[in-house]
Amino acid sequence: MRSPAANAWETGPWTARIRAGLGGTARRAGHLPGSESSGRDGARVVLTRRRIFILPTRQGLVFAGMLLLMLIGATNYQLSLGFALTFLLGAMGMVSILHAFRTLAGLEVSVGKTAPAFAGEAVTFGIDLTNRSPRPRLSVALSHPGSPTVHCDLPPGQTRTLTVSMTATRRGWLRLQRLTVHTRYPLGLFRAWAPVELKLQCLVYPRPEDIRLPPPAALHPMEGGRDLLGAGEDFAGLRDYRPGDSPRHIAWKAAAQERGTLTKQFSGNAAEEVWLDWERLAGLDTEARLSRLARWVLECDVLGIPYGLRLPGATRPPALTPEHRRACLKALALFGLGDPVRPDPPPRP
């Protein structure tokens, strides 16, 4: 029979803390199953003392060497003023370690806004730094491989959004690599840093074909029932200007009245539905087909033509909305990758 003291030790808060600490250490070292999948921190990380590392910079090493020479000189010549100056500078250097640590300790790092991009473009990830302490945090920097280091000052209770960029080389999900939050505040003698690996990814659409081919219905007017590129006679209203609209259809009178840039719509210009069909592109390889379909999606959206998308195993009925455009491009981006279509994150308040 176990003694009450043994049971108290097994269930006590200190035992739980020790076990949590040992487990976390082992997982970081890769000694426990699942350590590879637990390498990412999540969508939000608070920098604790166990995450922060501090080492002297090159200037700090020079400063230490200078102090050593001053100490030797003061000892040889028995200079009281030399001892006082050496110990004063040494104390200032030691205090700068504490300031560097306090600049990062308790800092909150979380994911920010990230917009999808096309392959070949630069993807910009937003990273939010939040200071919930009553003291300011000065000269906080964020580094990412392949991206310039960005700096900011964080007043108390404020959030700053920093951005890092990566070049998207292929379609699909692009994951953010490990970040480094660091500072050399206040004297530049020591560098405090903390590695952060947020669960942040961006959807990369297929690179649109460079040659701007009109959509299938525009190539074959009789299939759509009407000439999609022609203009009708009956004025049907105004809509917001979209890149690619003909200058002849821009409502210049409305622009002169400072109502914004609008485009005239005509009833004779109402297009029939267009199907962007994978099977129509026989003879092209997979990536070429996806690039052509991505270009057609963009062209139909600019021309105001309702379009549907047919892919092997997936069909999206015709529509002409921003949500439909994003859904079609997302289906093209993830086609054949075996990566499940993940729901879009909820909008940030």
Foldseek 3Di string as FASTA:
>chain_A
DDDPVVVCCCPPPVNVVVVVVVVVVCLVVVNDPPSVVPPADEQKDWDAPVQKDKDFDPVLVVLVVVLVVLVVVCVVVVPPVSVVVSVVSVVVVVVQVVLFSVLRHGKMKGWDDWAEEAAQDKTKTKIKIFAQDQAKRAFKWKDAPPFDIDTDIYHHGDMDIDITIDHHHAFAKAAGAKMKIWGCPDPNGMIMIGIHGYGDIHGYFYAADPDQDEAPCCVPVVVFPHNLPDADDAWDDKDAADPPDDPVQWPVVCVVVVVHIIGIHGPSNATGEEELELVVPPPDDLSNSRNHSLSNLVNCQNSVHFYKYDDVPDTGDTDHDPVRSVVVRNCSRCPPVPDDDDDDDDDDD
